[in-house]
Amino acid sequence: LRSLEFDNPDTEASYNGLHAAMQEFENNILKYMWQDDTDGLWLRIPPEWDDERSSEAVDKISEARLNLIEKYDEFLRIAHKHKVDQREAYLIPAE
């Protein structure tokens, strides 16, 4: 999903970084976490994985999570700096 575009290049670049971080986080979740067999409502690192593989999963997910938070904060800061958050939002009607 790539639905937003900005007329300011700094804001656009920051949003692209945020979007990439969201994709990275999603990819890591899909790679390292599986649906829990007990109720199907939770994702977890499979308990049968050895310590090395489990640690790798935790590290990769944590790294992606921290990167996502950093990119989100950066995007908000840059968007606010360029007053993107103060502009009127325009909806493009569906044809």
Protein backbone atom coordinates (compact mmCIF):
# COMPACT_ATOMS: atom_id res chain seq x y z
CA LEU A 1 0.00 0.00 0.00
CA ARG A 2 1.53 3.26 -1.10
CA SER A 3 -1.22 5.85 -1.11
CA LEU A 4 0.31 9.12 0.13
CA GLU A 5 2.37 11.60 -1.85
CA PHE A 6 3.75 14.91 -0.66
CA ASP A 7 4.72 18.02 -2.59
CA ASN A 8 7.69 18.61 -0.29
CA PRO A 9 10.72 16.45 -1.17
CA ASP A 10 11.93 16.16 2.46
CA THR A 11 8.52 15.00 3.62
CA GLU A 12 8.22 12.61 0.67
CA ALA A 13 11.65 11.11 1.39
CA SER A 14 10.82 10.74 5.08
CA TYR A 15 7.50 9.06 4.26
CA ASN A 16 9.30 6.69 1.89
CA GLY A 17 11.66 5.79 4.74
CA LEU A 18 8.70 5.20 7.05
CA HIS A 19 6.99 3.04 4.44
CA ALA A 20 10.16 0.96 3.98
CA ALA A 21 10.42 0.52 7.77
CA MET A 22 6.80 -0.67 7.91
CA GLN A 23 7.53 -3.21 5.17
CA GLU A 24 10.67 -4.39 6.96
CA PHE A 25 8.75 -4.87 10.21
CA GLU A 26 5.96 -6.76 8.45
CA ASN A 27 8.47 -8.98 6.62
CA ASN A 28 10.20 -9.87 9.88
CA ILE A 29 6.92 -10.66 11.62
CA LEU A 30 5.87 -12.91 8.74
CA LYS A 31 9.26 -14.64 8.69
CA TYR A 32 9.79 -15.20 12.40
CA MET A 33 6.35 -15.39 14.02
CA TRP A 34 3.74 -18.04 13.47
CA GLN A 35 0.12 -18.25 14.49
CA ASP A 36 -0.33 -19.85 17.89
CA ASP A 37 -1.96 -23.28 17.57
CA THR A 38 -3.94 -22.98 20.81
CA ASP A 39 -6.41 -20.30 19.74
CA GLY A 40 -5.15 -18.84 16.48
CA LEU A 41 -5.39 -15.28 17.82
CA TRP A 42 -1.74 -14.78 18.74
CA LEU A 43 1.53 -14.79 16.88
CA ARG A 44 4.63 -16.14 18.54
CA ILE A 45 8.10 -17.40 17.86
CA PRO A 46 7.75 -21.16 17.55
CA PRO A 47 8.70 -22.79 20.88
CA GLU A 48 10.40 -25.68 19.09
CA TRP A 49 13.10 -23.39 17.71
CA ASP A 50 16.48 -23.66 19.39
CA ASP A 51 17.91 -20.77 21.41
CA GLU A 52 20.06 -19.49 18.55
CA ARG A 53 17.19 -19.28 16.09
CA SER A 54 14.83 -17.80 18.69
CA SER A 55 17.42 -15.18 19.64
CA GLU A 56 17.91 -14.28 15.99
CA ALA A 57 14.14 -13.82 15.60
CA VAL A 58 13.90 -11.62 18.70
CA ASP A 59 16.87 -9.54 17.55
CA LYS A 60 15.53 -9.04 14.02
CA ILE A 61 12.02 -8.15 15.19
CA SER A 62 13.35 -5.77 17.86
CA GLU A 63 15.67 -4.10 15.37
CA ALA A 64 12.82 -3.64 12.88
CA ARG A 65 10.54 -2.30 15.63
CA LEU A 66 13.10 0.28 16.75
CA ASN A 67 13.73 1.32 13.15
CA LEU A 68 9.99 1.72 12.58
CA ILE A 69 9.65 3.93 15.67
CA GLU A 70 12.65 6.02 14.60
CA LYS A 71 11.29 6.52 11.06
CA TYR A 72 7.82 7.37 12.40
CA ASP A 73 9.23 10.00 14.77
CA GLU A 74 11.38 11.40 11.96
CA PHE A 75 8.40 11.61 9.62
CA LEU A 76 6.28 13.42 12.22
CA ARG A 77 9.10 15.88 12.94
CA ILE A 78 9.71 16.65 9.27
CA ALA A 79 6.01 16.83 8.41
CA HIS A 80 5.46 19.26 11.28
CA LYS A 81 8.51 21.33 10.25
CA HIS A 82 7.04 21.72 6.76
CA LYS A 83 3.57 22.33 8.20
CA VAL A 84 2.11 19.30 6.46
CA ASP A 85 0.00 18.66 9.55
CA GLN A 86 -1.54 22.13 9.22
CA ARG A 87 -2.68 21.85 5.62
CA GLU A 88 -6.22 21.07 4.63
CA ALA A 89 -6.61 17.48 3.53
CA TYR A 90 -8.04 16.90 0.07
CA LEU A 91 -9.87 13.75 -0.89
CA ILE A 92 -9.83 12.72 -4.51
CA PRO A 93 -13.27 11.44 -5.46
CA ALA A 94 -13.47 7.94 -6.84
CA GLU A 95 -14.45 7.74 -10.48
